[in-house]
């Protein structure tokens, strides 16, 4: 917790400095990071900083409007100087955005893929888990936002993380190989209500940055960037010096930091292995008794109404937890399908066939 407070204080200082330098985006980014790390301890400071950022944004907008609406015209020399300066800045930004030809080709390839194996560059779908890990690590290093500045690189980085999260999980991988979806039971659905669904799963979709830090935590990846773990998650720490030989490999401190993660994985495996799913979002097999969530009216199926009502009585905390899990699973399903639909939409630039964004529309309709 103390480490989180220290990191939050550093983020606040960086945000304030960025605000003084009129770098609004950076100030906003580090203010958000400080809030995530410090929580209630820095809530008032972050709130004050956010107000200052909003004021700076409004002030910049007013100055821009006043400048654009002014009747006076700059002299030829000053206008030429500003034009050259603006041109150099624009050119510099374009160079940063463009990246190398290899990076542009890699980003274009990944953003044009829908299949998870293709995203990771794997042709053999019977490959081992080690092959999947190696492919992910190789691509993640190339596409990390700190290294790759190509337009669309962030989407490609997320796609690689999403593909690895699915294929590294044996249950999700088996379902994906059979149904083309991360969840079991995905397929043709019935009429109204929720579309075809999938079994409950307890794993949350991990943040791409956290997944990256889980692989490379504790080692200097991009020059002076050193990744480390805290109790609240995985964060990056900037260090001015170069990592020495003693930083290579695991030491006792790194092992101690990893223990909570190992225990979490162990308890998750122990808790999940013997039990069957509580529900399915699709009517199939023993799951033929339809229930509906109280909050958003999402349909799901259980084995028996009477047994389900005994174990999860209506109005109880246990029943609300099931409803929340159902809606979370359904939302994740819609988000994944929406992502695929958008990929198909981008790939259909010639307009040869109409692409429907049904899942995207459904997601917007339910969650706004």
Protein backbone atom coordinates (compact mmCIF):
# COMPACT_ATOMS: atom_id res chain seq x y z
CA UNK A 1 0.00 0.00 0.00
CA UNK A 2 2.85 2.40 0.86
CA UNK A 3 4.45 1.63 -2.50
CA UNK A 4 1.17 2.52 -4.22
CA UNK A 5 1.01 5.85 -2.36
CA UNK A 6 4.57 6.65 -3.39
CA UNK A 7 3.82 5.83 -7.02
CA UNK A 8 0.61 7.90 -6.86
CA UNK A 9 2.58 10.88 -5.53
CA UNK A 10 5.06 10.55 -8.40
CA UNK A 11 2.21 10.43 -10.91
CA UNK A 12 0.67 13.57 -9.38
CA UNK A 13 3.98 15.42 -9.68
CA UNK A 14 4.34 14.36 -13.32
CA UNK A 15 0.75 15.43 -14.03
CA UNK A 16 1.29 18.87 -12.45
CA UNK A 17 4.52 19.37 -14.37
CA UNK A 18 2.82 18.35 -17.63
CA UNK A 19 0.00 20.79 -16.90
CA UNK A 20 2.50 23.63 -16.42
CA UNK A 21 4.05 22.66 -19.76
CA UNK A 22 0.53 22.71 -21.30
CA UNK A 23 0.73 19.01 -22.16
CA UNK A 24 -2.92 18.36 -21.31
CA UNK A 25 -3.09 14.77 -22.57
CA UNK A 26 -0.11 13.67 -20.49
CA UNK A 27 -1.43 15.50 -17.43
CA UNK A 28 -4.80 13.77 -17.78
CA UNK A 29 -3.18 10.36 -18.24
CA UNK A 30 -1.02 10.61 -15.12
CA UNK A 31 -3.86 12.08 -13.05
CA UNK A 32 -5.94 9.01 -13.88
CA UNK A 33 -3.02 6.74 -13.01
CA UNK A 34 -2.54 8.51 -9.67
CA UNK A 35 -6.21 7.97 -8.86
CA UNK A 36 -5.97 4.25 -9.66
CA UNK A 37 -2.88 3.78 -7.52
CA UNK A 38 -3.68 6.05 -4.57
CA UNK A 39 -7.44 5.64 -4.29
CA UNK A 40 -9.02 7.62 -1.47
CA UNK A 41 -5.65 8.79 -0.14
CA UNK A 42 -5.17 11.12 -3.13
CA UNK A 43 -8.81 11.63 -4.08
CA UNK A 44 -8.90 15.34 -3.13
CA UNK A 45 -5.59 16.11 -4.83
CA UNK A 46 -6.67 14.35 -8.02
CA UNK A 47 -10.03 16.14 -8.00
CA UNK A 48 -8.28 19.52 -7.71
CA UNK A 49 -5.86 18.58 -10.48
CA UNK A 50 -8.72 17.48 -12.75
CA UNK A 51 -10.41 20.87 -12.21
CA UNK A 52 -7.19 22.62 -13.19
CA UNK A 53 -6.88 20.43 -16.29
CA UNK A 54 -10.47 21.22 -17.32
CA UNK A 55 -9.81 24.93 -16.81
CA UNK A 56 -6.66 24.68 -18.94
CA UNK A 57 -8.61 22.93 -21.70
CA UNK A 58 -11.28 25.64 -21.70
CA UNK A 59 -8.65 28.38 -21.64
CA UNK A 60 -6.82 26.82 -24.59
CA UNK A 61 -10.05 26.54 -26.54
CA UNK A 62 -10.89 30.21 -25.93
CA UNK A 63 -7.42 31.35 -26.98
CA UNK A 64 -7.66 29.25 -30.14
CA UNK A 65 -11.06 30.72 -31.04
CA UNK A 66 -9.86 34.26 -30.37
CA UNK A 67 -6.80 33.72 -32.54
CA UNK A 68 -8.87 32.27 -35.40
CA UNK A 69 -11.43 35.07 -35.24
CA UNK A 70 -8.96 37.97 -35.01
CA UNK A 71 -9.09 40.53 -37.78
CA UNK A 72 -5.38 41.33 -37.71
CA UNK A 73 -3.10 39.41 -40.02
CA UNK A 74 0.50 38.53 -39.19
CA UNK A 75 3.32 39.92 -41.25
CA UNK A 76 4.74 37.81 -44.03
CA UNK A 77 7.93 37.05 -42.12
CA UNK A 78 6.21 36.01 -38.90
CA UNK A 79 3.59 34.01 -40.79
CA UNK A 80 6.32 32.26 -42.73
CA UNK A 81 8.21 31.47 -39.52
CA UNK A 82 5.09 30.03 -37.90
CA UNK A 83 4.31 28.08 -41.06
CA UNK A 84 7.78 26.56 -41.14
CA UNK A 85 7.63 25.76 -37.41
CA UNK A 86 4.19 24.21 -37.76
CA UNK A 87 5.38 22.28 -40.79
CA UNK A 88 8.36 20.90 -38.91
CA UNK A 89 6.17 19.92 -35.93
CA UNK A 90 3.63 18.28 -38.20
CA UNK A 91 6.36 16.48 -40.09
CA UNK A 92 7.89 15.31 -36.81
CA UNK A 93 4.55 13.95 -35.61
CA UNK A 94 4.02 12.14 -38.89
CA UNK A 95 7.47 10.56 -38.68
CA UNK A 96 6.74 9.35 -35.14
CA UNK A 97 3.35 7.99 -36.17
CA UNK A 98 4.62 6.22 -39.28
CA UNK A 99 7.29 4.07 -37.63
CA UNK A 100 9.39 1.64 -39.66
CA UNK A 101 8.19 -0.29 -42.72
CA UNK A 102 8.42 -3.53 -40.73
CA UNK A 103 6.23 -2.09 -37.96
CA UNK A 104 3.66 -0.76 -40.43
CA UNK A 105 3.45 -4.14 -42.17
CA UNK A 106 3.10 -5.98 -38.85
CA UNK A 107 0.33 -3.68 -37.58
CA UNK A 108 -1.51 -3.91 -40.90
CA UNK A 109 -1.30 -7.71 -40.88
CA UNK A 110 -2.58 -8.13 -37.33
CA UNK A 111 -5.39 -5.59 -37.64
CA UNK A 112 -6.52 -7.38 -40.79
CA UNK A 113 -6.79 -10.77 -39.04
CA UNK A 114 -9.79 -12.20 -37.25
CA UNK A 115 -8.47 -15.66 -36.39
CA UNK A 116 -6.56 -15.76 -33.10
CA UNK A 117 -3.93 -18.18 -34.45
CA UNK A 118 -3.36 -15.92 -37.46
CA UNK A 119 -3.01 -12.89 -35.20
CA UNK A 120 -0.18 -14.65 -33.33
CA UNK A 121 1.36 -15.82 -36.61
CA UNK A 122 0.73 -19.51 -35.85
CA UNK A 123 -0.20 -21.82 -38.73
CA UNK A 124 -0.39 -25.09 -36.76
CA UNK A 125 -3.49 -25.06 -34.55
CA UNK A 126 -2.24 -28.12 -32.68
CA UNK A 127 0.84 -26.24 -31.48
CA UNK A 128 2.02 -26.39 -27.88
CA UNK A 129 1.37 -23.79 -25.21
CA UNK A 130 5.06 -22.84 -25.30
CA UNK A 131 4.72 -21.93 -28.98
CA UNK A 132 1.78 -19.67 -28.15
CA UNK A 133 3.74 -18.01 -25.34
CA UNK A 134 6.78 -17.43 -27.54
CA UNK A 135 4.64 -15.92 -30.29
CA UNK A 136 2.91 -13.61 -27.84
CA UNK A 137 6.15 -12.44 -26.22
CA UNK A 138 7.74 -11.76 -29.59
CA UNK A 139 4.78 -9.73 -30.89
CA UNK A 140 4.09 -7.94 -27.60
CA UNK A 141 7.65 -6.63 -27.49
CA UNK A 142 7.37 -5.33 -31.04
CA UNK A 143 3.93 -3.75 -30.60
CA UNK A 144 4.12 -2.29 -27.11
CA UNK A 145 3.03 1.39 -27.21
CA UNK A 146 6.36 2.46 -25.68
CA UNK A 147 8.18 1.06 -28.70
CA UNK A 148 5.81 1.05 -31.68
CA UNK A 149 4.37 4.45 -32.69
CA UNK A 150 2.59 3.28 -35.84
CA UNK A 151 -1.04 4.28 -36.21
CA UNK A 152 -3.18 1.32 -35.20
CA UNK A 153 -0.42 -0.23 -33.08
CA UNK A 154 -2.51 0.01 -29.92
CA UNK A 155 -5.34 -1.95 -31.55
CA UNK A 156 -2.84 -4.55 -32.75
CA UNK A 157 -1.31 -4.80 -29.25
CA UNK A 158 -4.79 -5.38 -27.78
CA UNK A 159 -5.59 -7.97 -30.45
CA UNK A 160 -2.42 -9.92 -29.66
CA UNK A 161 -3.25 -9.82 -25.93
CA UNK A 162 -6.82 -10.94 -26.58
CA UNK A 163 -5.64 -13.82 -28.77
CA UNK A 164 -3.12 -15.00 -26.18
CA UNK A 165 -5.64 -14.73 -23.32
CA UNK A 166 -7.92 -17.10 -25.20
CA UNK A 167 -5.41 -19.60 -26.60
CA UNK A 168 -3.39 -19.88 -23.38
CA UNK A 169 -6.49 -21.05 -21.50
CA UNK A 170 -7.11 -24.76 -22.31
CA UNK A 171 -10.89 -24.50 -21.87
CA UNK A 172 -11.23 -21.34 -23.96
CA UNK A 173 -8.87 -22.70 -26.60
CA UNK A 174 -10.86 -25.92 -26.91
CA UNK A 175 -14.06 -23.92 -27.30
CA UNK A 176 -12.44 -21.59 -29.82
CA UNK A 177 -11.17 -24.51 -31.90
CA UNK A 178 -14.65 -26.08 -31.96
CA UNK A 179 -16.97 -23.08 -32.19
CA UNK A 180 -14.81 -20.12 -33.26
CA UNK A 181 -15.59 -18.45 -29.94
CA UNK A 182 -13.82 -18.28 -26.59
CA UNK A 183 -16.88 -19.64 -24.78
CA UNK A 184 -18.38 -23.16 -24.92
CA UNK A 185 -21.81 -23.48 -26.38
CA UNK A 186 -21.49 -20.65 -28.87
CA UNK A 187 -23.54 -21.32 -31.92
CA UNK A 188 -26.90 -20.78 -33.52
CA UNK A 189 -29.40 -19.33 -31.08
CA UNK A 190 -33.14 -19.17 -30.81
CA UNK A 191 -35.52 -16.31 -31.35
CA UNK A 192 -35.97 -13.34 -29.05
CA UNK A 193 -34.10 -12.33 -25.96
CA UNK A 194 -30.37 -12.82 -25.72
CA UNK A 195 -28.57 -14.45 -28.66
CA UNK A 196 -26.75 -17.74 -28.35
CA UNK A 197 -24.64 -17.73 -25.22
CA UNK A 198 -21.92 -19.57 -23.37
CA UNK A 199 -21.02 -21.06 -20.04
CA UNK A 200 -20.10 -19.04 -17.03
CA UNK A 201 -16.42 -18.44 -16.57
CA UNK A 202 -14.65 -16.81 -13.67
CA UNK A 203 -11.63 -15.34 -15.44
CA UNK A 204 -11.81 -11.64 -16.22
CA UNK A 205 -10.52 -10.29 -19.50
CA UNK A 206 -7.09 -9.10 -18.47
CA UNK A 207 -5.80 -5.67 -19.36
CA UNK A 208 -3.20 -5.85 -22.20
CA UNK A 209 -0.70 -3.78 -20.20
CA UNK A 210 -1.10 -5.99 -17.13
CA UNK A 211 -0.67 -9.12 -19.24
CA UNK A 212 2.52 -7.66 -20.71
CA UNK A 213 3.85 -6.81 -17.26
CA UNK A 214 3.09 -10.34 -16.03
CA UNK A 215 5.49 -11.68 -18.67
CA UNK A 216 8.21 -9.07 -18.38
CA UNK A 217 7.86 -7.92 -14.77
CA UNK A 218 11.12 -7.03 -13.07
CA UNK A 219 13.28 -6.83 -16.22
CA UNK A 220 14.36 -3.77 -18.23
CA UNK A 221 12.45 -4.10 -21.50
CA UNK A 222 12.63 -0.73 -23.26
CA UNK A 223 15.81 1.00 -22.12
CA UNK A 224 14.99 2.85 -18.91
CA UNK A 225 11.55 1.32 -18.41
CA UNK A 226 11.47 -1.18 -15.56
CA UNK A 227 8.28 -3.12 -14.84
CA UNK A 228 7.35 -4.17 -11.32
CA UNK A 229 4.36 -5.57 -9.48
CA UNK A 230 2.36 -4.11 -6.59
CA UNK A 231 -0.57 -5.35 -4.56
CA UNK A 232 -3.01 -3.38 -6.72
CA UNK A 233 -1.70 -4.64 -10.04
CA UNK A 234 1.14 -4.20 -12.49
CA UNK A 235 2.67 -0.80 -13.15
CA UNK A 236 5.70 0.72 -14.82
CA UNK A 237 8.47 2.62 -13.10
CA UNK A 238 10.82 4.95 -14.91
CA UNK A 239 14.44 4.84 -13.87
CA UNK A 240 17.20 7.14 -14.99
CA UNK A 241 20.02 4.61 -14.83
CA UNK A 242 20.75 1.53 -16.85
CA UNK A 243 20.05 -1.89 -15.41
CA UNK A 244 23.15 -3.65 -14.19
CA UNK A 245 23.96 -7.34 -14.36
CA UNK A 246 22.40 -7.90 -10.94
CA UNK A 247 18.97 -7.02 -12.39
CA UNK A 248 19.03 -9.98 -14.77
CA UNK A 249 17.14 -13.05 -13.67
CA UNK A 250 14.95 -13.53 -10.65
CA UNK A 251 16.01 -12.50 -7.18
CA UNK A 252 14.33 -13.09 -3.84
CA UNK A 253 12.36 -9.83 -3.95
CA UNK A 254 10.93 -10.67 -7.38
CA UNK A 255 9.88 -14.13 -6.20
CA UNK A 256 8.16 -12.65 -3.15
CA UNK A 257 6.32 -10.20 -5.40
CA UNK A 258 5.06 -13.05 -7.56
CA UNK A 259 3.75 -15.15 -4.65
CA UNK A 260 0.29 -13.44 -4.49
CA UNK A 261 -0.21 -14.10 -8.20
CA UNK A 262 0.78 -17.76 -7.83
CA UNK A 263 -1.57 -18.23 -4.86
CA UNK A 264 -4.40 -16.58 -6.80
CA UNK A 265 -3.89 -18.92 -9.75
CA UNK A 266 -3.69 -21.94 -7.42
CA UNK A 267 -6.92 -21.10 -5.57
CA UNK A 268 -8.69 -20.38 -8.87
CA UNK A 269 -7.73 -23.80 -10.23
CA UNK A 270 -8.73 -25.56 -7.01
CA UNK A 271 -12.05 -23.73 -6.84
CA UNK A 272 -13.03 -24.26 -10.47
CA UNK A 273 -11.90 -27.80 -11.28
CA UNK A 274 -14.55 -29.95 -9.57
CA UNK A 275 -17.67 -27.83 -10.21
CA UNK A 276 -19.91 -27.57 -13.25
CA UNK A 277 -20.99 -24.20 -14.63
CA UNK A 278 -23.92 -22.64 -12.78
CA UNK A 279 -25.55 -21.47 -15.99
CA UNK A 280 -25.30 -21.24 -19.75
CA UNK A 281 -26.37 -18.37 -21.96
CA UNK A 282 -27.62 -20.91 -24.50
CA UNK A 283 -30.26 -23.61 -24.04
CA UNK A 284 -28.38 -26.87 -24.45
CA UNK A 285 -28.19 -30.28 -22.82
CA UNK A 286 -29.13 -30.15 -19.14
CA UNK A 287 -29.34 -26.36 -19.22
CA UNK A 288 -32.97 -25.98 -20.32
CA UNK A 289 -34.64 -23.92 -17.55
CA UNK A 290 -34.72 -20.26 -18.55
CA UNK A 291 -34.02 -17.49 -16.05
CA UNK A 292 -33.71 -13.73 -16.57
CA UNK A 293 -31.49 -11.20 -14.81
CA UNK A 294 -33.33 -8.65 -12.71
CA UNK A 295 -31.24 -5.69 -13.87
CA UNK A 296 -31.16 -5.81 -17.67
CA UNK A 297 -33.39 -8.75 -18.53
CA UNK A 298 -30.66 -10.96 -20.01
CA UNK A 299 -31.84 -14.56 -20.56
CA UNK A 300 -29.76 -17.49 -19.30
CA UNK A 301 -30.38 -21.17 -18.62
CA UNK A 302 -29.95 -23.38 -15.55
CA UNK A 303 -30.47 -27.09 -14.93
CA UNK A 304 -33.52 -26.82 -12.68
CA UNK A 305 -35.70 -23.90 -11.54
CA UNK A 306 -36.35 -25.42 -8.11
CA UNK A 307 -32.74 -26.32 -7.35
CA UNK A 308 -31.48 -22.97 -8.64
CA UNK A 309 -34.03 -21.06 -6.52
CA UNK A 310 -33.00 -23.05 -3.43
CA UNK A 311 -29.31 -22.35 -3.91
CA UNK A 312 -29.76 -18.79 -5.16
CA UNK A 313 -33.07 -17.44 -3.77
CA UNK A 314 -34.49 -14.36 -5.48
CA UNK A 315 -33.59 -11.09 -3.79
CA UNK A 316 -30.51 -12.51 -2.06
CA UNK A 317 -26.93 -11.44 -2.47
CA UNK A 318 -26.07 -14.82 -4.00
CA UNK A 319 -28.70 -14.37 -6.72
CA UNK A 320 -27.49 -10.85 -7.48
CA UNK A 321 -23.96 -12.20 -7.89
CA UNK A 322 -25.22 -14.67 -10.49
CA UNK A 323 -27.08 -11.88 -12.32
CA UNK A 324 -23.95 -9.73 -12.33
CA UNK A 325 -21.84 -12.64 -13.64
CA UNK A 326 -24.37 -13.38 -16.41
CA UNK A 327 -24.47 -9.78 -17.58
CA UNK A 328 -20.69 -9.51 -17.41
CA UNK A 329 -20.28 -12.66 -19.52
CA UNK A 330 -22.88 -11.48 -22.02
CA UNK A 331 -21.28 -8.06 -22.30
CA UNK A 332 -17.84 -9.60 -22.88
CA UNK A 333 -19.33 -11.82 -25.57
CA UNK A 334 -20.89 -8.79 -27.32
CA UNK A 335 -17.61 -6.84 -27.05
CA UNK A 336 -15.66 -9.70 -28.64
CA UNK A 337 -18.21 -10.08 -31.43
CA UNK A 338 -18.30 -6.31 -31.98
CA UNK A 339 -14.51 -6.34 -32.32
CA UNK A 340 -14.75 -9.06 -35.00
CA UNK A 341 -17.52 -7.17 -36.80
CA UNK A 342 -15.42 -4.01 -36.89
CA UNK A 343 -12.49 -5.97 -38.32
CA UNK A 344 -14.76 -7.32 -41.06
CA UNK A 345 -16.06 -3.80 -41.66
CA UNK A 346 -12.53 -2.41 -42.04
CA UNK A 347 -11.60 -5.28 -44.36
CA UNK A 348 -14.60 -4.56 -46.57
CA UNK A 349 -13.24 -1.26 -47.85
CA UNK A 350 -14.30 -2.09 -51.41
CA UNK A 351 -17.94 -2.29 -50.35
CA UNK A 352 -18.47 -5.62 -52.15
CA UNK A 353 -20.75 -6.87 -49.41
CA UNK A 354 -22.73 -5.27 -46.63
CA UNK A 355 -21.31 -5.73 -43.14
CA UNK A 356 -23.73 -5.57 -40.21
CA UNK A 357 -22.56 -4.44 -36.78
CA UNK A 358 -25.33 -6.28 -34.92
CA UNK A 359 -23.32 -7.01 -31.78
CA UNK A 360 -22.05 -3.43 -31.62
CA UNK A 361 -25.61 -2.13 -31.89
CA UNK A 362 -26.83 -4.58 -29.23
CA UNK A 363 -23.99 -3.56 -26.91
CA UNK A 364 -24.86 0.12 -27.35
CA UNK A 365 -28.56 -0.58 -26.90
CA UNK A 366 -28.13 -2.36 -23.56
CA UNK A 367 -25.17 -0.56 -22.00
CA UNK A 368 -25.18 2.73 -23.91
